[in-house]
């Protein structure tokens, strides 16, 4: 993006703001893992603590160049082994608290719930607390997808594109902004 994409404006806030707000509105405990651009992201996160008047934990992945799974492992270290948890990406600004609530209603006896739109996997993914220990025994070079492929995961199909609408490049961002004006 040649910019800190999570700080791009969207609906008078940033992409980061909307992702964080959805997580905070649906959970009592949120851990935000930073990596690339951590100074700018963490500075913005401090402002959001005041604006949203909610607490959350900020941790830094010092090895973020190893990929998303390494960030997942950093975040998991702060979770109680008795709590179910969601793995969410901050470049999904259309996710709301209702999306998280839907996941909770579906988890039941599954190891995890992953939503799919047209067979494309979405985020967030809700995982049972029983996955924390096996995940922490993994390596930073594993992937969450390959890990979940070995578990009892509900694949929930939906026509809601919010689950798979991520902002990876300027075209994605321009489309998001254009759609928000409709």
Foldseek 3Di string as FASTA:
>chain_A
DVDPQQQDDDPNGGLLLLLVQQVVVQDLEAEAEAEPVVVVVVVVVVVSCVVVVHDYHYHYQPVCVLDDLSSVLVRLVPDDLQDKDKDFDSQLNVRHNVNVVVQVVPCVPFQKEWEDEVNHTFDTIIGGSVCSVVSNPDDSNDDPVVVCVVTRYHYHYDNDCSRVLGDDDPVSVVVSRVVVVD
